[in-house]
Amino acid sequence: MKMSRENLSVKIKFEPDSDLIVGEAPSGKSLTIRLSEDPSPLELMLIALGACAAVDAYNVLTIRGGAVKVIEISLNCKYVRERNSYLDEISMTYNIEAEKVGRKEAEEAIKLSLEKYCSVGNILRRKVEIKPPIVKLRKIKSKSRGFNA
């Protein structure tokens, strides 16, 4: 597969007196963070990883015929606090509610998401160990579409 490079630029405006950080994307969409009330930048990074992984796993499962109702991911990290603080490892637990999805399919979709499709995960994996995820699957029974006589 041929590699292509694209530029992605965002603009960040930090206003210390008002406790605000505003991020603007090229699409014109923005995100306002009030430092005293909203998630920290590190927490936002974990949220971004979880969101990316959930969307990609959903896409893989639905392409393969699954009917996903909910994907919930709990992320935990080991954060080393020292002069140059860093993340040491990230663990993830997936709770999936779906129809027509078996454990093997869910595990394969998550593996593809984390190892191939999720760009946030690809970036983090270069410096942080992302542990193999724990998968909990709750199968939903499909509703009958027949008529009662």
C-alpha atoms as a PDB file:
ATOM      1  CA  MET A   1       0.000   0.000   0.000  1.00  0.00           C
ATOM      2  CA  LYS A   2       1.408   3.356  -0.999  1.00  0.00           C
ATOM      3  CA  MET A   3       1.823   5.844   1.834  1.00  0.00           C
ATOM      4  CA  SER A   4       0.291   9.280   1.467  1.00  0.00           C
ATOM      5  CA  ARG A   5       0.889  12.257   3.703  1.00  0.00           C
ATOM      6  CA  GLU A   6      -1.660  14.890   4.543  1.00  0.00           C
ATOM      7  CA  ASN A   7      -1.360  17.977   6.659  1.00  0.00           C
ATOM      8  CA  LEU A   8      -3.760  18.384   9.537  1.00  0.00           C
ATOM      9  CA  SER A   9      -3.704  21.679  11.386  1.00  0.00           C
ATOM     10  CA  VAL A  10      -5.623  22.855  14.389  1.00  0.00           C
ATOM     11  CA  LYS A  11      -5.484  26.169  16.182  1.00  0.00           C
ATOM     12  CA  ILE A  12      -5.303  26.428  19.975  1.00  0.00           C
ATOM     13  CA  LYS A  13      -6.049  29.594  21.901  1.00  0.00           C
ATOM     14  CA  PHE A  14      -5.255  29.610  25.636  1.00  0.00           C
ATOM     15  CA  GLU A  15      -6.709  32.409  27.755  1.00  0.00           C
ATOM     16  CA  PRO A  16      -5.255  31.964  31.273  1.00  0.00           C
ATOM     17  CA  ASP A  17      -7.292  34.793  32.819  1.00  0.00           C
ATOM     18  CA  SER A  18     -10.576  33.170  31.757  1.00  0.00           C
ATOM     19  CA  ASP A  19      -9.369  29.582  32.375  1.00  0.00           C
ATOM     20  CA  LEU A  20     -10.213  28.655  28.751  1.00  0.00           C
ATOM     21  CA  ILE A  21      -8.591  26.681  25.988  1.00  0.00           C
ATOM     22  CA  VAL A  22     -10.323  26.806  22.609  1.00  0.00           C
ATOM     23  CA  GLY A  23      -9.339  24.386  19.867  1.00  0.00           C
ATOM     24  CA  GLU A  24     -10.444  25.010  16.293  1.00  0.00           C
ATOM     25  CA  ALA A  25     -10.410  22.390  13.542  1.00  0.00           C
ATOM     26  CA  PRO A  26     -10.096  23.135   9.815  1.00  0.00           C
ATOM     27  CA  SER A  27     -13.786  22.245   9.430  1.00  0.00           C
ATOM     28  CA  GLY A  28     -14.667  25.272  11.551  1.00  0.00           C
ATOM     29  CA  LYS A  29     -15.780  23.092  14.458  1.00  0.00           C
ATOM     30  CA  SER A  30     -14.379  24.022  17.841  1.00  0.00           C
ATOM     31  CA  LEU A  31     -13.966  22.605  21.321  1.00  0.00           C
ATOM     32  CA  THR A  32     -13.874  24.852  24.390  1.00  0.00           C
ATOM     33  CA  ILE A  33     -12.246  23.508  27.530  1.00  0.00           C
ATOM     34  CA  ARG A  34     -12.595  25.212  30.887  1.00  0.00           C
ATOM     35  CA  LEU A  35      -9.565  23.918  32.782  1.00  0.00           C
ATOM     36  CA  SER A  36     -11.211  24.062  36.210  1.00  0.00           C
ATOM     37  CA  GLU A  37     -14.289  22.068  35.096  1.00  0.00           C
ATOM     38  CA  ASP A  38     -13.566  19.940  32.038  1.00  0.00           C
ATOM     39  CA  PRO A  39     -11.284  16.942  31.472  1.00  0.00           C
ATOM     40  CA  SER A  40      -7.553  17.632  31.536  1.00  0.00           C
ATOM     41  CA  PRO A  41      -5.530  17.420  28.306  1.00  0.00           C
ATOM     42  CA  LEU A  42      -4.274  13.959  29.383  1.00  0.00           C
ATOM     43  CA  GLU A  43      -7.842  12.793  30.031  1.00  0.00           C
ATOM     44  CA  LEU A  44      -8.865  14.199  26.640  1.00  0.00           C
ATOM     45  CA  MET A  45      -6.124  12.130  25.016  1.00  0.00           C
ATOM     46  CA  LEU A  46      -7.558   8.967  26.608  1.00  0.00           C
ATOM     47  CA  ILE A  47     -11.063  10.039  25.552  1.00  0.00           C
ATOM     48  CA  ALA A  48      -9.757  10.525  21.991  1.00  0.00           C
ATOM     49  CA  LEU A  49      -8.219   7.032  22.027  1.00  0.00           C
ATOM     50  CA  GLY A  50     -11.454   5.474  23.297  1.00  0.00           C
ATOM     51  CA  ALA A  51     -13.603   7.374  20.810  1.00  0.00           C
ATOM     52  CA  CYS A  52     -11.360   6.434  17.897  1.00  0.00           C
ATOM     53  CA  ALA A  53     -11.225   2.768  18.949  1.00  0.00           C
ATOM     54  CA  ALA A  54     -14.999   2.573  19.501  1.00  0.00           C
ATOM     55  CA  VAL A  55     -15.891   4.111  16.137  1.00  0.00           C
ATOM     56  CA  ASP A  56     -13.431   1.919  14.247  1.00  0.00           C
ATOM     57  CA  ALA A  57     -14.556  -1.280  16.019  1.00  0.00           C
ATOM     58  CA  TYR A  58     -18.178  -0.337  15.269  1.00  0.00           C
ATOM     59  CA  ASN A  59     -17.360   0.193  11.595  1.00  0.00           C
ATOM     60  CA  VAL A  60     -15.611  -3.184  11.317  1.00  0.00           C
ATOM     61  CA  LEU A  61     -18.436  -5.023  13.096  1.00  0.00           C
ATOM     62  CA  THR A  62     -21.203  -3.433  11.027  1.00  0.00           C
ATOM     63  CA  ILE A  63     -19.368  -4.045   7.748  1.00  0.00           C
ATOM     64  CA  ARG A  64     -19.260  -7.707   8.791  1.00  0.00           C
ATOM     65  CA  GLY A  65     -23.013  -7.772   9.417  1.00  0.00           C
ATOM     66  CA  GLY A  66     -23.168  -7.122  13.156  1.00  0.00           C
ATOM     67  CA  ALA A  67     -25.849  -4.924  14.693  1.00  0.00           C
ATOM     68  CA  VAL A  68     -24.119  -2.962  17.438  1.00  0.00           C
ATOM     69  CA  LYS A  69     -26.221  -1.123  19.997  1.00  0.00           C
ATOM     70  CA  VAL A  70     -23.512   0.098  22.389  1.00  0.00           C
ATOM     71  CA  ILE A  71     -19.739   0.045  22.676  1.00  0.00           C
ATOM     72  CA  GLU A  72     -18.453   1.258  26.010  1.00  0.00           C
ATOM     73  CA  ILE A  73     -14.724   1.345  26.689  1.00  0.00           C
ATOM     74  CA  SER A  74     -13.081   1.874  30.074  1.00  0.00           C
ATOM     75  CA  LEU A  75      -9.489   3.071  29.760  1.00  0.00           C
ATOM     76  CA  ASN A  76      -6.899   3.096  32.519  1.00  0.00           C
ATOM     77  CA  CYS A  77      -3.348   4.284  32.273  1.00  0.00           C
ATOM     78  CA  LYS A  78      -0.216   4.122  34.364  1.00  0.00           C
ATOM     79  CA  TYR A  79       1.069   7.660  34.556  1.00  0.00           C
ATOM     80  CA  VAL A  80       4.653   8.102  35.728  1.00  0.00           C
ATOM     81  CA  ARG A  81       5.126  11.424  37.492  1.00  0.00           C
ATOM     82  CA  GLU A  82       8.674  12.675  37.434  1.00  0.00           C
ATOM     83  CA  ARG A  83      10.531  15.600  35.871  1.00  0.00           C
ATOM     84  CA  ASN A  84       9.456  14.437  32.411  1.00  0.00           C
ATOM     85  CA  SER A  85       6.134  12.754  33.221  1.00  0.00           C
ATOM     86  CA  TYR A  86       4.829  10.150  30.783  1.00  0.00           C
ATOM     87  CA  LEU A  87       2.327   7.367  30.226  1.00  0.00           C
ATOM     88  CA  ASP A  88       3.760   3.910  30.784  1.00  0.00           C
ATOM     89  CA  GLU A  89       0.857   1.711  29.662  1.00  0.00           C
ATOM     90  CA  ILE A  90      -2.815   1.838  28.793  1.00  0.00           C
ATOM     91  CA  SER A  91      -5.365  -0.901  29.436  1.00  0.00           C
ATOM     92  CA  MET A  92      -8.818  -1.026  27.861  1.00  0.00           C
ATOM     93  CA  THR A  93     -11.975  -2.954  28.705  1.00  0.00           C
ATOM     94  CA  TYR A  94     -14.697  -3.106  26.058  1.00  0.00           C
ATOM     95  CA  ASN A  95     -18.346  -3.707  26.920  1.00  0.00           C
ATOM     96  CA  ILE A  96     -20.275  -4.371  23.728  1.00  0.00           C
ATOM     97  CA  GLU A  97     -24.019  -4.890  23.288  1.00  0.00           C
ATOM     98  CA  ALA A  98     -24.783  -6.325  19.874  1.00  0.00           C
ATOM     99  CA  GLU A  99     -26.786  -8.690  17.713  1.00  0.00           C
ATOM    100  CA  LYS A 100     -25.151 -11.086  15.283  1.00  0.00           C
ATOM    101  CA  VAL A 101     -21.703 -10.610  16.859  1.00  0.00           C
ATOM    102  CA  GLY A 102     -19.756 -13.439  18.458  1.00  0.00           C
ATOM    103  CA  ARG A 103     -16.825 -13.105  20.839  1.00  0.00           C
ATOM    104  CA  LYS A 104     -14.323 -14.000  18.094  1.00  0.00           C
ATOM    105  CA  GLU A 105     -15.749 -11.352  15.733  1.00  0.00           C
ATOM    106  CA  ALA A 106     -15.687  -8.720  18.486  1.00  0.00           C
ATOM    107  CA  GLU A 107     -12.079  -9.537  19.404  1.00  0.00           C
ATOM    108  CA  GLU A 108     -10.986  -9.454  15.731  1.00  0.00           C
ATOM    109  CA  ALA A 109     -12.730  -6.101  15.143  1.00  0.00           C
ATOM    110  CA  ILE A 110     -11.082  -4.591  18.214  1.00  0.00           C
ATOM    111  CA  LYS A 111      -7.681  -5.922  17.185  1.00  0.00           C
ATOM    112  CA  LEU A 112      -8.081  -4.419  13.692  1.00  0.00           C
ATOM    113  CA  SER A 113      -9.235  -1.147  15.208  1.00  0.00           C
ATOM    114  CA  LEU A 114      -6.279  -0.856  17.572  1.00  0.00           C
ATOM    115  CA  GLU A 115      -3.578  -2.199  15.250  1.00  0.00           C
ATOM    116  CA  LYS A 116      -4.649  -0.810  11.898  1.00  0.00           C
ATOM    117  CA  TYR A 117      -7.417   1.792  11.774  1.00  0.00           C
ATOM    118  CA  CYS A 118      -7.339   3.941  14.936  1.00  0.00           C
ATOM    119  CA  SER A 119      -4.877   6.749  14.197  1.00  0.00           C
ATOM    120  CA  VAL A 120      -4.824   7.889  17.837  1.00  0.00           C
ATOM    121  CA  GLY A 121      -3.882   4.363  18.910  1.00  0.00           C
ATOM    122  CA  ASN A 122      -1.232   4.142  16.193  1.00  0.00           C
ATOM    123  CA  ILE A 123       0.391   7.338  17.450  1.00  0.00           C
ATOM    124  CA  LEU A 124       0.282   6.359  21.123  1.00  0.00           C
ATOM    125  CA  ARG A 125       1.540   2.811  20.508  1.00  0.00           C
ATOM    126  CA  ARG A 126       4.876   4.224  19.332  1.00  0.00           C
ATOM    127  CA  LYS A 127       5.680   5.330  22.896  1.00  0.00           C
ATOM    128  CA  VAL A 128       3.154   3.657  25.200  1.00  0.00           C
ATOM    129  CA  GLU A 129       2.315  -0.005  25.683  1.00  0.00           C
ATOM    130  CA  ILE A 130      -1.358  -0.608  24.953  1.00  0.00           C
ATOM    131  CA  LYS A 131      -2.224  -3.844  26.717  1.00  0.00           C
ATOM    132  CA  PRO A 132      -4.370  -6.475  24.970  1.00  0.00           C
ATOM    133  CA  PRO A 133      -7.978  -5.413  25.600  1.00  0.00           C
ATOM    134  CA  ILE A 134     -10.509  -7.234  27.727  1.00  0.00           C
ATOM    135  CA  VAL A 135     -13.752  -7.867  25.818  1.00  0.00           C
ATOM    136  CA  LYS A 136     -17.149  -8.354  27.451  1.00  0.00           C
ATOM    137  CA  LEU A 137     -19.906  -9.114  24.963  1.00  0.00           C
ATOM    138  CA  ARG A 138     -23.627  -9.001  25.714  1.00  0.00           C
ATOM    139  CA  LYS A 139     -25.609 -10.511  22.904  1.00  0.00           C
ATOM    140  CA  ILE A 140     -28.945  -8.929  22.162  1.00  0.00           C
ATOM    141  CA  LYS A 141     -31.633 -11.187  20.764  1.00  0.00           C
ATOM    142  CA  SER A 142     -33.120  -9.995  17.527  1.00  0.00           C
ATOM    143  CA  LYS A 143     -36.755  -9.011  17.648  1.00  0.00           C
ATOM    144  CA  SER A 144     -39.147 -11.255  15.801  1.00  0.00           C
ATOM    145  CA  ARG A 145     -40.635  -9.712  12.703  1.00  0.00           C
ATOM    146  CA  GLY A 146     -43.294 -12.335  12.186  1.00  0.00           C
ATOM    147  CA  PHE A 147     -47.026 -12.012  12.760  1.00  0.00           C
ATOM    148  CA  ASN A 148     -48.915 -13.789  15.489  1.00  0.00           C
ATOM    149  CA  ALA A 149     -51.980 -15.684  14.298  1.00  0.00           C
END
